[in-house]
Each structure stands twice: as C-alpha cells, then as structure tokens.
Amino acid sequence: MSRLDGNQRDSFSKALEGKKIPILTLDNKWYHLFTEEKRQEVTELEHQLNTLLKQQGKLNNEIKDIKRLKKKLMGEIVSLVDEAGQEEESENARKIEQSKMKVEECNELLESRQDELLDLPKQIEQANFQLMLATMDCCYDTMKENAEEIQDIAQWVSEIRVELKKKLVRKQEMEQRNHAIYSYMHDVFGAEVIDIFDLQYNPDEQPPTAP
C-alpha cells in the first residue's frame, strides 16, 4: 500500500508542473530502480504506457507508408497525364482515374490515422505521469525501509564496536598477566621446571600495548 498520502501526492504533482518528464519505460535508469519484482500497480501502468507508445509508433509508420504511396500515385498520375493527350477514353485515362481514386483513399486513411494520433501524446503524458507517481510510491517505501534497516545496522555496529573494544582490553589484560606469571615462575623455578608444566607461552613475545 502506498505510503504517500494525498498531500504528498499533490505536492509532488505541483512540483512537476511545467517540467518535461522523460518517458520512464524508455529510460534504462528507471528499470534499475526495481531490484525486486515490481508492484502490480507499476506493472499495469508500465504495460499501459508501452501499449500507447507502440500504438503511436505503429500509426506514425502507417502515416509514412501512406504518404509514400500517395507520392508515388501522384507521380504516376502526372506521367499518365503527359502521355494521355486529348484522348478521354484512352487506357491512360482509365488508369488516371484509378490512381485518383487510390489517392483519395490515401487521403481518407491519412485523415483517420492522424485523428487517432492526435490524442495519443496527451494520453502518453498522462500514463507516464501516473507511472511516475506509482514509482515515487515504491521509491518512498524502499528508502524508508532502508533508512530503518540502516539505523538498525548502525546501532548493531556501534554495540559490536563497544563489545570488541572490551574483548580487546580483556585480551590485553590476560596477556599481560600471563607474561608476569611466566616471568616470575621462570625466575624462581627455572626453565626446566617451566617445561615440565608445558606452559605455552613465548617469553620473547612482548605483551601488547593498550590500543
């Protein structure tokens, strides 16, 4: 569930007014925001936006193809008119009429495709904006969860450092104590007696200094 309340969403929306928002699904950086599976809301909005983009691309390609065909037909008409002369019933006249009909069909198709294309930029902008809001929800949640875990880890590290320091001090104290005992026993009883007890201590090692 989103953690952005209504006021936060309103503030975010106002902050984006007049700004050019990149198409999220065309930006590789956007995909890197999701290291885990996307929420259903984000997935649905992503699909909606991509569908609109594909529709826009398809219409643009169709318009280019229709314009290319129309240009070809117009060229053929000009050539046929030059060849036809004054013979109204000639084969060329029939071909010219057919080409004109095809040009008219091209015009109708162009008008239809351009009408469909007219509203798409606005629909894409709106879908992209909704996806941005859903993305912001996810990022807000992730950052908040991370901040809480970062705080827990920082507390754990702090406690471990204290415990580690205590252990190091204790280790130093025991090493110094062993050194003092060994030195005393070595002086009193001698090396041979010390060897009998198999005391594992190297008298050449100096006790560590305090950190």
N, C-alpha and C. Protein backbone atom coordinates (compact mmCIF):
# COMPACT_ATOMS: atom_id res chain seq x y z
N MET A 1 0.84 -1.20 0.00
CA MET A 1 0.00 0.00 0.00
C MET A 1 0.88 1.24 0.00
N SER A 2 0.45 2.27 -0.75
CA SER A 2 1.26 3.47 -0.87
C SER A 2 1.41 4.19 0.45
N ARG A 3 2.60 4.70 0.69
CA ARG A 3 2.84 5.48 1.90
C ARG A 3 2.82 6.97 1.61
N LEU A 4 2.64 7.33 0.34
CA LEU A 4 2.47 8.74 0.01
C LEU A 4 1.02 9.11 0.23
N ASP A 5 0.76 10.05 1.15
CA ASP A 5 -0.62 10.45 1.38
C ASP A 5 -1.06 11.45 0.32
N GLY A 6 -2.31 11.87 0.40
CA GLY A 6 -2.86 12.77 -0.61
C GLY A 6 -2.11 14.08 -0.70
N ASN A 7 -1.72 14.64 0.43
CA ASN A 7 -1.00 15.91 0.42
C ASN A 7 0.37 15.77 -0.24
N GLN A 8 1.03 14.65 0.03
CA GLN A 8 2.34 14.42 -0.58
C GLN A 8 2.22 14.26 -2.09
N ARG A 9 1.19 13.54 -2.50
CA ARG A 9 0.98 13.37 -3.94
C ARG A 9 0.67 14.70 -4.61
N ASP A 10 -0.15 15.52 -3.96
CA ASP A 10 -0.47 16.84 -4.51
C ASP A 10 0.78 17.71 -4.62
N SER A 11 1.60 17.67 -3.58
CA SER A 11 2.82 18.46 -3.59
C SER A 11 3.75 18.00 -4.70
N PHE A 12 3.84 16.69 -4.86
CA PHE A 12 4.70 16.13 -5.89
C PHE A 12 4.18 16.51 -7.28
N SER A 13 2.85 16.44 -7.45
CA SER A 13 2.26 16.79 -8.74
C SER A 13 2.53 18.25 -9.09
N LYS A 14 2.37 19.14 -8.10
CA LYS A 14 2.62 20.55 -8.34
C LYS A 14 4.08 20.83 -8.66
N ALA A 15 4.96 20.09 -8.01
CA ALA A 15 6.40 20.28 -8.24
C ALA A 15 6.79 19.89 -9.67
N LEU A 16 6.00 19.00 -10.28
CA LEU A 16 6.32 18.54 -11.63
C LEU A 16 5.64 19.36 -12.72
N GLU A 17 4.78 20.27 -12.33
CA GLU A 17 4.07 21.08 -13.32
C GLU A 17 5.05 21.88 -14.17
N GLY A 18 4.87 21.78 -15.50
CA GLY A 18 5.72 22.53 -16.41
C GLY A 18 7.06 21.88 -16.69
N LYS A 19 7.34 20.76 -16.03
CA LYS A 19 8.63 20.09 -16.25
C LYS A 19 8.47 18.95 -17.25
N LYS A 20 9.50 18.78 -18.04
CA LYS A 20 9.49 17.71 -19.05
C LYS A 20 9.91 16.41 -18.38
N ILE A 21 8.97 15.49 -18.27
CA ILE A 21 9.26 14.20 -17.64
C ILE A 21 9.63 13.21 -18.74
N PRO A 22 10.79 12.58 -18.65
CA PRO A 22 11.16 11.59 -19.68
C PRO A 22 10.22 10.40 -19.64
N ILE A 23 10.04 9.77 -20.77
CA ILE A 23 9.22 8.56 -20.83
C ILE A 23 9.94 7.47 -20.03
N LEU A 24 9.34 7.06 -18.93
CA LEU A 24 10.03 6.19 -17.99
C LEU A 24 10.43 4.85 -18.59
N THR A 25 9.53 4.24 -19.35
CA THR A 25 9.82 2.91 -19.89
C THR A 25 10.85 2.93 -21.02
N LEU A 26 11.27 4.13 -21.44
CA LEU A 26 12.32 4.25 -22.45
C LEU A 26 13.65 4.63 -21.80
N ASP A 27 13.64 4.70 -20.47
CA ASP A 27 14.83 5.12 -19.72
C ASP A 27 15.38 3.92 -18.94
N ASN A 28 16.60 3.48 -19.28
CA ASN A 28 17.19 2.32 -18.60
C ASN A 28 17.37 2.56 -17.11
N LYS A 29 17.60 3.81 -16.73
CA LYS A 29 17.80 4.13 -15.31
C LYS A 29 16.54 3.82 -14.50
N TRP A 30 15.39 3.95 -15.13
CA TRP A 30 14.13 3.67 -14.43
C TRP A 30 14.05 2.19 -14.05
N TYR A 31 14.47 1.31 -14.96
CA TYR A 31 14.41 -0.12 -14.67
C TYR A 31 15.34 -0.51 -13.52
N HIS A 32 16.45 0.24 -13.36
CA HIS A 32 17.40 -0.06 -12.30
C HIS A 32 16.86 0.28 -10.91
N LEU A 33 15.75 1.03 -10.87
CA LEU A 33 15.15 1.36 -9.57
C LEU A 33 14.51 0.14 -8.93
N PHE A 34 14.21 -0.88 -9.74
CA PHE A 34 13.48 -2.04 -9.24
C PHE A 34 14.40 -3.25 -9.21
N THR A 35 14.98 -3.51 -8.06
CA THR A 35 15.85 -4.67 -7.90
C THR A 35 15.04 -5.92 -7.56
N GLU A 36 13.80 -5.73 -7.18
CA GLU A 36 12.89 -6.84 -6.90
C GLU A 36 11.70 -6.75 -7.85
N GLU A 37 10.79 -7.69 -7.71
CA GLU A 37 9.62 -7.71 -8.58
C GLU A 37 8.80 -6.43 -8.40
N LYS A 38 8.34 -5.86 -9.52
CA LYS A 38 7.56 -4.63 -9.46
C LYS A 38 6.19 -4.90 -8.85
N ARG A 39 5.64 -3.86 -8.24
CA ARG A 39 4.27 -3.95 -7.74
C ARG A 39 3.30 -4.11 -8.92
N GLN A 40 2.15 -4.67 -8.63
CA GLN A 40 1.15 -4.88 -9.68
C GLN A 40 0.74 -3.55 -10.31
N GLU A 41 0.58 -2.51 -9.48
CA GLU A 41 0.18 -1.20 -10.00
C GLU A 41 1.20 -0.68 -11.00
N VAL A 42 2.48 -0.81 -10.65
CA VAL A 42 3.54 -0.33 -11.54
C VAL A 42 3.56 -1.15 -12.83
N THR A 43 3.41 -2.46 -12.71
CA THR A 43 3.42 -3.33 -13.89
C THR A 43 2.27 -2.99 -14.83
N GLU A 44 1.09 -2.75 -14.27
CA GLU A 44 -0.07 -2.42 -15.11
C GLU A 44 0.11 -1.08 -15.81
N LEU A 45 0.62 -0.08 -15.09
CA LEU A 45 0.84 1.23 -15.69
C LEU A 45 1.95 1.18 -16.74
N GLU A 46 2.96 0.36 -16.47
CA GLU A 46 4.05 0.17 -17.44
C GLU A 46 3.49 -0.42 -18.74
N HIS A 47 2.64 -1.44 -18.60
CA HIS A 47 2.03 -2.07 -19.78
C HIS A 47 1.15 -1.07 -20.53
N GLN A 48 0.39 -0.28 -19.79
CA GLN A 48 -0.49 0.71 -20.41
C GLN A 48 0.32 1.73 -21.21
N LEU A 49 1.40 2.21 -20.62
CA LEU A 49 2.24 3.21 -21.29
C LEU A 49 2.90 2.61 -22.54
N ASN A 50 3.44 1.40 -22.41
CA ASN A 50 4.09 0.76 -23.56
C ASN A 50 3.10 0.48 -24.69
N THR A 51 1.87 0.16 -24.33
CA THR A 51 0.84 -0.08 -25.35
C THR A 51 0.57 1.20 -26.13
N LEU A 52 0.47 2.32 -25.42
CA LEU A 52 0.25 3.61 -26.09
C LEU A 52 1.43 3.99 -26.98
N LEU A 53 2.63 3.72 -26.50
CA LEU A 53 3.83 4.03 -27.29
C LEU A 53 3.89 3.19 -28.56
N LYS A 54 3.54 1.90 -28.43
CA LYS A 54 3.52 1.03 -29.60
C LYS A 54 2.46 1.48 -30.61
N GLN A 55 1.31 1.90 -30.07
CA GLN A 55 0.24 2.39 -30.94
C GLN A 55 0.69 3.64 -31.68
N GLN A 56 1.37 4.53 -30.97
CA GLN A 56 1.88 5.76 -31.59
C GLN A 56 2.90 5.43 -32.69
N GLY A 57 3.81 4.51 -32.38
CA GLY A 57 4.81 4.12 -33.37
C GLY A 57 4.19 3.49 -34.59
N LYS A 58 3.18 2.64 -34.37
CA LYS A 58 2.50 1.98 -35.49
C LYS A 58 1.80 3.00 -36.38
N LEU A 59 1.11 3.96 -35.77
CA LEU A 59 0.40 4.98 -36.54
C LEU A 59 1.37 5.85 -37.33
N ASN A 60 2.47 6.21 -36.71
CA ASN A 60 3.47 7.03 -37.40
C ASN A 60 4.03 6.28 -38.62
N ASN A 61 4.28 4.99 -38.45
CA ASN A 61 4.79 4.19 -39.58
C ASN A 61 3.75 4.07 -40.68
N GLU A 62 2.49 3.88 -40.28
CA GLU A 62 1.42 3.78 -41.28
C GLU A 62 1.27 5.09 -42.05
N ILE A 63 1.36 6.21 -41.34
CA ILE A 63 1.25 7.52 -41.99
C ILE A 63 2.38 7.71 -42.99
N LYS A 64 3.60 7.31 -42.60
CA LYS A 64 4.73 7.42 -43.53
C LYS A 64 4.50 6.57 -44.77
N ASP A 65 4.01 5.34 -44.57
CA ASP A 65 3.76 4.44 -45.70
C ASP A 65 2.67 5.00 -46.62
N ILE A 66 1.61 5.56 -46.03
CA ILE A 66 0.52 6.12 -46.83
C ILE A 66 1.01 7.33 -47.63
N LYS A 67 1.79 8.19 -46.99
CA LYS A 67 2.33 9.37 -47.69
C LYS A 67 3.26 8.94 -48.82
N ARG A 68 4.03 7.88 -48.56
CA ARG A 68 4.94 7.38 -49.60
C ARG A 68 4.14 6.85 -50.79
N LEU A 69 3.06 6.10 -50.49
CA LEU A 69 2.20 5.57 -51.55
C LEU A 69 1.51 6.70 -52.31
N LYS A 70 1.03 7.69 -51.58
CA LYS A 70 0.35 8.83 -52.21
C LYS A 70 1.29 9.57 -53.16
N LYS A 71 2.52 9.77 -52.70
CA LYS A 71 3.51 10.46 -53.53
C LYS A 71 3.78 9.67 -54.81
N LYS A 72 3.85 8.35 -54.67
CA LYS A 72 4.08 7.51 -55.83
C LYS A 72 2.91 7.59 -56.80
N LEU A 73 1.68 7.55 -56.26
CA LEU A 73 0.49 7.64 -57.11
C LEU A 73 0.41 8.98 -57.83
N MET A 74 0.74 10.06 -57.13
CA MET A 74 0.71 11.40 -57.75
C MET A 74 1.72 11.47 -58.89
N GLY A 75 2.88 10.83 -58.68
CA GLY A 75 3.88 10.82 -59.74
C GLY A 75 3.38 10.04 -60.95
N GLU A 76 2.70 8.93 -60.70
CA GLU A 76 2.17 8.13 -61.80
C GLU A 76 1.09 8.90 -62.55
N ILE A 77 0.27 9.65 -61.81
CA ILE A 77 -0.80 10.43 -62.46
C ILE A 77 -0.20 11.48 -63.39
N VAL A 78 0.84 12.16 -62.90
CA VAL A 78 1.49 13.19 -63.73
C VAL A 78 2.04 12.56 -65.01
N SER A 79 2.68 11.40 -64.88
CA SER A 79 3.24 10.72 -66.05
C SER A 79 2.13 10.30 -67.02
N LEU A 80 1.03 9.79 -66.48
CA LEU A 80 -0.08 9.33 -67.32
C LEU A 80 -0.76 10.49 -68.02
N VAL A 81 -0.87 11.62 -67.32
CA VAL A 81 -1.49 12.81 -67.93
C VAL A 81 -0.66 13.28 -69.11
N ASP A 82 0.65 13.26 -68.97
CA ASP A 82 1.53 13.69 -70.06
C ASP A 82 1.39 12.77 -71.27
N GLU A 83 1.13 11.47 -71.01
CA GLU A 83 1.02 10.51 -72.09
C GLU A 83 -0.38 10.47 -72.70
N ALA A 84 -1.39 10.85 -71.93
CA ALA A 84 -2.77 10.67 -72.38
C ALA A 84 -3.16 11.60 -73.50
N GLY A 85 -2.67 12.80 -73.51
CA GLY A 85 -3.06 13.76 -74.54
C GLY A 85 -4.52 14.13 -74.42
N GLN A 86 -5.24 14.15 -75.55
CA GLN A 86 -6.64 14.57 -75.55
C GLN A 86 -7.61 13.40 -75.61
N GLU A 87 -7.12 12.16 -75.54
CA GLU A 87 -7.99 11.01 -75.68
C GLU A 87 -8.64 10.65 -74.35
N GLU A 88 -9.89 11.08 -74.15
CA GLU A 88 -10.58 10.87 -72.88
C GLU A 88 -10.83 9.40 -72.60
N GLU A 89 -11.02 8.60 -73.64
CA GLU A 89 -11.36 7.20 -73.44
C GLU A 89 -10.14 6.29 -73.52
N SER A 90 -9.00 6.87 -73.50
CA SER A 90 -7.79 6.07 -73.62
C SER A 90 -7.55 5.23 -72.37
N GLU A 91 -6.67 4.24 -72.51
CA GLU A 91 -6.28 3.39 -71.37
C GLU A 91 -5.65 4.22 -70.27
N ASN A 92 -4.90 5.25 -70.70
CA ASN A 92 -4.26 6.13 -69.72
C ASN A 92 -5.29 6.86 -68.87
N ALA A 93 -6.38 7.27 -69.49
CA ALA A 93 -7.43 7.99 -68.77
C ALA A 93 -8.03 7.09 -67.69
N ARG A 94 -8.22 5.82 -68.04
CA ARG A 94 -8.77 4.88 -67.07
C ARG A 94 -7.80 4.69 -65.89
N LYS A 95 -6.51 4.58 -66.23
CA LYS A 95 -5.51 4.41 -65.18
C LYS A 95 -5.42 5.66 -64.29
N ILE A 96 -5.55 6.81 -64.93
CA ILE A 96 -5.51 8.06 -64.16
C ILE A 96 -6.67 8.10 -63.17
N GLU A 97 -7.81 7.69 -63.60
CA GLU A 97 -8.99 7.69 -62.73
C GLU A 97 -8.80 6.72 -61.56
N GLN A 98 -8.24 5.56 -61.86
CA GLN A 98 -7.98 4.59 -60.81
C GLN A 98 -6.98 5.13 -59.79
N SER A 99 -5.95 5.78 -60.29
CA SER A 99 -4.93 6.34 -59.41
C SER A 99 -5.52 7.46 -58.55
N LYS A 100 -6.39 8.27 -59.15
CA LYS A 100 -7.04 9.34 -58.38
C LYS A 100 -7.88 8.77 -57.24
N MET A 101 -8.58 7.65 -57.54
CA MET A 101 -9.38 7.01 -56.50
C MET A 101 -8.49 6.50 -55.37
N LYS A 102 -7.33 5.94 -55.74
CA LYS A 102 -6.39 5.46 -54.73
C LYS A 102 -5.82 6.62 -53.91
N VAL A 103 -5.58 7.74 -54.56
CA VAL A 103 -5.10 8.92 -53.84
C VAL A 103 -6.15 9.38 -52.84
N GLU A 104 -7.41 9.35 -53.26
CA GLU A 104 -8.50 9.74 -52.36
C GLU A 104 -8.57 8.79 -51.16
N GLU A 105 -8.36 7.50 -51.42
CA GLU A 105 -8.34 6.53 -50.32
C GLU A 105 -7.18 6.82 -49.37
N CYS A 106 -6.05 7.20 -49.96
CA CYS A 106 -4.89 7.58 -49.13
C CYS A 106 -5.21 8.78 -48.26
N ASN A 107 -5.89 9.75 -48.83
CA ASN A 107 -6.26 10.94 -48.07
C ASN A 107 -7.17 10.60 -46.90
N GLU A 108 -8.13 9.70 -47.16
CA GLU A 108 -9.05 9.30 -46.10
C GLU A 108 -8.31 8.53 -45.00
N LEU A 109 -7.41 7.65 -45.40
CA LEU A 109 -6.62 6.91 -44.42
C LEU A 109 -5.73 7.84 -43.60
N LEU A 110 -5.12 8.81 -44.30
CA LEU A 110 -4.27 9.77 -43.60
C LEU A 110 -5.05 10.55 -42.55
N GLU A 111 -6.22 10.99 -42.93
CA GLU A 111 -7.06 11.75 -42.00
C GLU A 111 -7.44 10.90 -40.80
N SER A 112 -7.79 9.63 -41.07
CA SER A 112 -8.18 8.73 -39.99
C SER A 112 -7.01 8.47 -39.05
N ARG A 113 -5.83 8.15 -39.60
CA ARG A 113 -4.66 7.86 -38.77
C ARG A 113 -4.19 9.10 -38.01
N GLN A 114 -4.25 10.25 -38.63
CA GLN A 114 -3.84 11.48 -37.96
C GLN A 114 -4.79 11.87 -36.83
N ASP A 115 -6.09 11.56 -37.03
CA ASP A 115 -7.05 11.79 -35.95
C ASP A 115 -6.74 10.88 -34.75
N GLU A 116 -6.42 9.62 -35.03
CA GLU A 116 -6.07 8.69 -33.95
C GLU A 116 -4.80 9.15 -33.24
N LEU A 117 -3.88 9.69 -34.02
CA LEU A 117 -2.59 10.09 -33.47
C LEU A 117 -2.69 11.37 -32.65
N LEU A 118 -3.71 12.15 -32.92
CA LEU A 118 -3.82 13.47 -32.32
C LEU A 118 -3.87 13.44 -30.79
N ASP A 119 -4.62 12.51 -30.23
CA ASP A 119 -4.80 12.46 -28.77
C ASP A 119 -3.75 11.62 -28.05
N LEU A 120 -2.97 10.88 -28.79
CA LEU A 120 -2.01 9.96 -28.16
C LEU A 120 -0.95 10.65 -27.30
N PRO A 121 -0.35 11.75 -27.75
CA PRO A 121 0.67 12.40 -26.91
C PRO A 121 0.15 12.75 -25.52
N LYS A 122 -1.09 13.23 -25.45
CA LYS A 122 -1.68 13.58 -24.16
C LYS A 122 -1.92 12.33 -23.33
N GLN A 123 -2.40 11.26 -23.95
CA GLN A 123 -2.63 10.01 -23.24
C GLN A 123 -1.30 9.43 -22.72
N ILE A 124 -0.27 9.52 -23.54
CA ILE A 124 1.06 9.03 -23.14
C ILE A 124 1.59 9.86 -21.97
N GLU A 125 1.41 11.16 -22.04
CA GLU A 125 1.86 12.04 -20.96
C GLU A 125 1.16 11.70 -19.65
N GLN A 126 -0.14 11.48 -19.72
CA GLN A 126 -0.91 11.16 -18.51
C GLN A 126 -0.50 9.80 -17.94
N ALA A 127 -0.36 8.80 -18.84
CA ALA A 127 0.04 7.46 -18.39
C ALA A 127 1.44 7.50 -17.78
N ASN A 128 2.32 8.27 -18.38
CA ASN A 128 3.69 8.40 -17.87
C ASN A 128 3.69 9.07 -16.50
N PHE A 129 2.84 10.06 -16.34
CA PHE A 129 2.76 10.77 -15.05
C PHE A 129 2.24 9.85 -13.95
N GLN A 130 1.22 9.05 -14.27
CA GLN A 130 0.69 8.11 -13.28
C GLN A 130 1.74 7.06 -12.92
N LEU A 131 2.52 6.64 -13.91
CA LEU A 131 3.60 5.69 -13.64
C LEU A 131 4.67 6.34 -12.77
N MET A 132 4.90 7.62 -12.99
CA MET A 132 5.87 8.35 -12.16
C MET A 132 5.41 8.39 -10.70
N LEU A 133 4.12 8.64 -10.48
CA LEU A 133 3.58 8.68 -9.12
C LEU A 133 3.70 7.30 -8.45
N ALA A 134 3.37 6.25 -9.20
CA ALA A 134 3.48 4.89 -8.66
C ALA A 134 4.93 4.54 -8.36
N THR A 135 5.83 5.01 -9.22
CA THR A 135 7.26 4.78 -9.00
C THR A 135 7.72 5.51 -7.74
N MET A 136 7.21 6.73 -7.57
CA MET A 136 7.57 7.52 -6.39
C MET A 136 7.11 6.81 -5.12
N ASP A 137 5.93 6.20 -5.18
CA ASP A 137 5.44 5.43 -4.03
C ASP A 137 6.43 4.31 -3.67
N CYS A 138 6.85 3.57 -4.68
CA CYS A 138 7.78 2.46 -4.45
C CYS A 138 9.11 2.95 -3.90
N CYS A 139 9.61 4.02 -4.49
CA CYS A 139 10.91 4.57 -4.05
C CYS A 139 10.81 5.09 -2.62
N TYR A 140 9.68 5.71 -2.30
CA TYR A 140 9.48 6.24 -0.95
C TYR A 140 9.49 5.08 0.06
N ASP A 141 8.76 4.01 -0.28
CA ASP A 141 8.71 2.85 0.61
C ASP A 141 10.09 2.24 0.79
N THR A 142 10.79 2.06 -0.33
CA THR A 142 12.11 1.43 -0.29
C THR A 142 13.09 2.26 0.55
N MET A 143 13.09 3.57 0.32
CA MET A 143 14.01 4.44 1.06
C MET A 143 13.69 4.45 2.55
N LYS A 144 12.39 4.43 2.88
CA LYS A 144 12.01 4.43 4.28
C LYS A 144 12.42 3.12 4.95
N GLU A 145 12.16 2.00 4.26
CA GLU A 145 12.56 0.69 4.81
C GLU A 145 14.07 0.61 4.95
N ASN A 146 14.79 1.09 3.94
CA ASN A 146 16.26 1.08 4.00
C ASN A 146 16.78 1.94 5.14
N ALA A 147 16.16 3.11 5.33
CA ALA A 147 16.60 4.01 6.39
C ALA A 147 16.45 3.35 7.76
N GLU A 148 15.33 2.62 7.95
CA GLU A 148 15.12 1.93 9.22
C GLU A 148 16.16 0.83 9.42
N GLU A 149 16.43 0.08 8.35
CA GLU A 149 17.41 -1.00 8.46
C GLU A 149 18.82 -0.44 8.64
N ILE A 150 19.12 0.66 7.96
CA ILE A 150 20.43 1.31 8.12
C ILE A 150 20.64 1.72 9.57
N GLN A 151 19.59 2.26 10.18
CA GLN A 151 19.68 2.67 11.57
C GLN A 151 19.92 1.46 12.48
N ASP A 152 19.22 0.35 12.20
CA ASP A 152 19.41 -0.86 12.99
C ASP A 152 20.84 -1.39 12.85
N ILE A 153 21.34 -1.39 11.61
CA ILE A 153 22.70 -1.88 11.37
C ILE A 153 23.72 -0.97 12.05
N ALA A 154 23.49 0.34 11.96
CA ALA A 154 24.41 1.28 12.60
C ALA A 154 24.45 1.06 14.12
N GLN A 155 23.27 0.80 14.71
CA GLN A 155 23.21 0.53 16.15
C GLN A 155 23.95 -0.77 16.47
N TRP A 156 23.75 -1.79 15.62
CA TRP A 156 24.43 -3.08 15.82
C TRP A 156 25.95 -2.90 15.74
N VAL A 157 26.40 -2.15 14.73
CA VAL A 157 27.84 -1.92 14.57
C VAL A 157 28.40 -1.18 15.78
N SER A 158 27.64 -0.19 16.28
CA SER A 158 28.09 0.56 17.45
C SER A 158 28.25 -0.35 18.67
N GLU A 159 27.24 -1.22 18.86
CA GLU A 159 27.30 -2.15 20.00
C GLU A 159 28.45 -3.14 19.85
N ILE A 160 28.65 -3.62 18.63
CA ILE A 160 29.73 -4.57 18.38
C ILE A 160 31.09 -3.91 18.62
N ARG A 161 31.21 -2.65 18.23
CA ARG A 161 32.48 -1.94 18.46
C ARG A 161 32.79 -1.83 19.95
N VAL A 162 31.75 -1.53 20.74
CA VAL A 162 31.95 -1.44 22.19
C VAL A 162 32.36 -2.79 22.74
N GLU A 163 31.63 -3.85 22.31
CA GLU A 163 31.95 -5.19 22.78
C GLU A 163 33.34 -5.62 22.33
N LEU A 164 33.69 -5.28 21.09
CA LEU A 164 35.01 -5.62 20.57
C LEU A 164 36.11 -4.94 21.38
N LYS A 165 35.88 -3.68 21.69
CA LYS A 165 36.88 -2.94 22.47
C LYS A 165 37.06 -3.58 23.85
N LYS A 166 35.95 -4.00 24.47
CA LYS A 166 36.03 -4.66 25.78
C LYS A 166 36.81 -5.98 25.67
N LYS A 167 36.54 -6.74 24.61
CA LYS A 167 37.24 -8.01 24.42
C LYS A 167 38.74 -7.79 24.20
N LEU A 168 39.08 -6.75 23.44
CA LEU A 168 40.50 -6.46 23.19
C LEU A 168 41.21 -6.05 24.47
N VAL A 169 40.52 -5.27 25.29
CA VAL A 169 41.10 -4.86 26.58
C VAL A 169 41.29 -6.09 27.46
N ARG A 170 40.27 -6.96 27.51
CA ARG A 170 40.35 -8.18 28.31
C ARG A 170 41.49 -9.07 27.81
N LYS A 171 41.61 -9.20 26.50
CA LYS A 171 42.69 -9.99 25.90
C LYS A 171 44.05 -9.44 26.31
N GLN A 172 44.19 -8.13 26.26
CA GLN A 172 45.46 -7.50 26.63
C GLN A 172 45.80 -7.74 28.11
N GLU A 173 44.76 -7.62 28.95
CA GLU A 173 44.99 -7.83 30.38
C GLU A 173 45.46 -9.27 30.66
N MET A 174 44.84 -10.25 30.01
CA MET A 174 45.21 -11.64 30.22
C MET A 174 46.61 -11.92 29.70
N GLU A 175 46.96 -11.33 28.56
CA GLU A 175 48.30 -11.50 28.01
C GLU A 175 49.36 -10.91 28.95
N GLN A 176 49.06 -9.74 29.49
CA GLN A 176 49.99 -9.10 30.42
C GLN A 176 50.13 -9.93 31.71
N ARG A 177 48.99 -10.47 32.17
CA ARG A 177 49.02 -11.30 33.38
C ARG A 177 49.84 -12.56 33.14
N ASN A 178 49.64 -13.22 32.03
CA ASN A 178 50.43 -14.41 31.70
C ASN A 178 51.91 -14.09 31.60
N HIS A 179 52.22 -12.96 31.05
CA HIS A 179 53.62 -12.57 30.92
C HIS A 179 54.26 -12.38 32.29
N ALA A 180 53.52 -11.75 33.20
CA ALA A 180 54.05 -11.52 34.55
C ALA A 180 54.24 -12.84 35.28
N ILE A 181 53.23 -13.76 35.17
CA ILE A 181 53.33 -15.06 35.83
C ILE A 181 54.50 -15.86 35.28
N TYR A 182 54.63 -15.89 34.00
CA TYR A 182 55.70 -16.65 33.38
C TYR A 182 57.06 -16.13 33.82
N SER A 183 57.20 -14.83 33.81
CA SER A 183 58.48 -14.23 34.20
C SER A 183 58.84 -14.59 35.64
N TYR A 184 57.82 -14.53 36.53
CA TYR A 184 58.07 -14.84 37.94
C TYR A 184 58.47 -16.31 38.10
N MET A 185 57.69 -17.23 37.49
CA MET A 185 57.97 -18.65 37.63
C MET A 185 59.30 -19.02 37.00
N HIS A 186 59.63 -18.37 35.91
CA HIS A 186 60.92 -18.63 35.25
C HIS A 186 62.07 -18.22 36.15
N ASP A 187 61.91 -17.07 36.81
CA ASP A 187 62.98 -16.58 37.69
C ASP A 187 63.12 -17.47 38.93
N VAL A 188 61.99 -17.95 39.48
CA VAL A 188 62.02 -18.71 40.73
C VAL A 188 62.40 -20.17 40.49
N PHE A 189 61.76 -20.80 39.50
CA PHE A 189 61.92 -22.25 39.32
C PHE A 189 62.90 -22.63 38.19
N GLY A 190 63.10 -21.72 37.27
CA GLY A 190 63.99 -22.02 36.17
C GLY A 190 63.26 -22.61 34.98
N ALA A 191 63.95 -22.64 33.86
CA ALA A 191 63.33 -23.06 32.60
C ALA A 191 62.91 -24.52 32.61
N GLU A 192 63.71 -25.40 33.28
CA GLU A 192 63.40 -26.83 33.26
C GLU A 192 62.07 -27.12 33.94
N VAL A 193 61.82 -26.49 35.06
CA VAL A 193 60.55 -26.70 35.77
C VAL A 193 59.39 -26.18 34.92
N ILE A 194 59.62 -25.04 34.31
CA ILE A 194 58.55 -24.47 33.46
C ILE A 194 58.20 -25.43 32.33
N ASP A 195 59.22 -26.08 31.75
CA ASP A 195 58.98 -27.01 30.64
C ASP A 195 58.17 -28.22 31.08
N ILE A 196 58.33 -28.63 32.36
CA ILE A 196 57.59 -29.79 32.87
C ILE A 196 56.09 -29.54 32.79
N PHE A 197 55.69 -28.35 33.09
CA PHE A 197 54.25 -28.00 33.09
C PHE A 197 53.74 -27.65 31.68
N ASP A 198 54.67 -27.68 30.72
CA ASP A 198 54.28 -27.43 29.32
C ASP A 198 53.47 -26.15 29.18
N LEU A 199 53.96 -25.11 29.77
CA LEU A 199 53.27 -23.83 29.68
C LEU A 199 53.49 -23.23 28.30
N GLN A 200 52.43 -22.99 27.61
CA GLN A 200 52.51 -22.46 26.25
C GLN A 200 52.59 -20.93 26.29
N TYR A 201 53.81 -20.49 26.42
CA TYR A 201 53.98 -19.04 26.43
C TYR A 201 55.37 -18.72 25.93
N ASN A 202 55.51 -17.78 25.06
CA ASN A 202 56.78 -17.37 24.50
C ASN A 202 57.29 -16.14 25.22
N PRO A 203 58.32 -16.27 26.04
CA PRO A 203 58.78 -15.11 26.81
C PRO A 203 59.36 -14.02 25.94
N ASP A 204 59.70 -14.36 24.67
CA ASP A 204 60.26 -13.33 23.78
C ASP A 204 59.17 -12.40 23.26
N GLU A 205 57.93 -12.87 23.34
CA GLU A 205 56.82 -12.01 22.88
C GLU A 205 56.51 -10.97 23.93
N GLN A 206 56.46 -9.76 23.49
CA GLN A 206 56.12 -8.66 24.41
C GLN A 206 54.61 -8.55 24.54
N PRO A 207 54.10 -8.28 25.71
CA PRO A 207 52.66 -8.09 25.84
C PRO A 207 52.22 -6.90 25.05
N PRO A 208 51.07 -6.97 24.42
CA PRO A 208 50.61 -5.87 23.55
C PRO A 208 50.35 -4.61 24.37
N THR A 209 50.55 -3.52 23.70
CA THR A 209 50.26 -2.23 24.34
C THR A 209 48.80 -1.93 24.19
N ALA A 210 48.33 -1.03 25.04
CA ALA A 210 46.90 -0.65 25.00
C ALA A 210 46.59 0.05 23.70
N PRO A 211 45.41 -0.20 23.13
CA PRO A 211 45.04 0.45 21.86
C PRO A 211 44.81 1.92 22.07
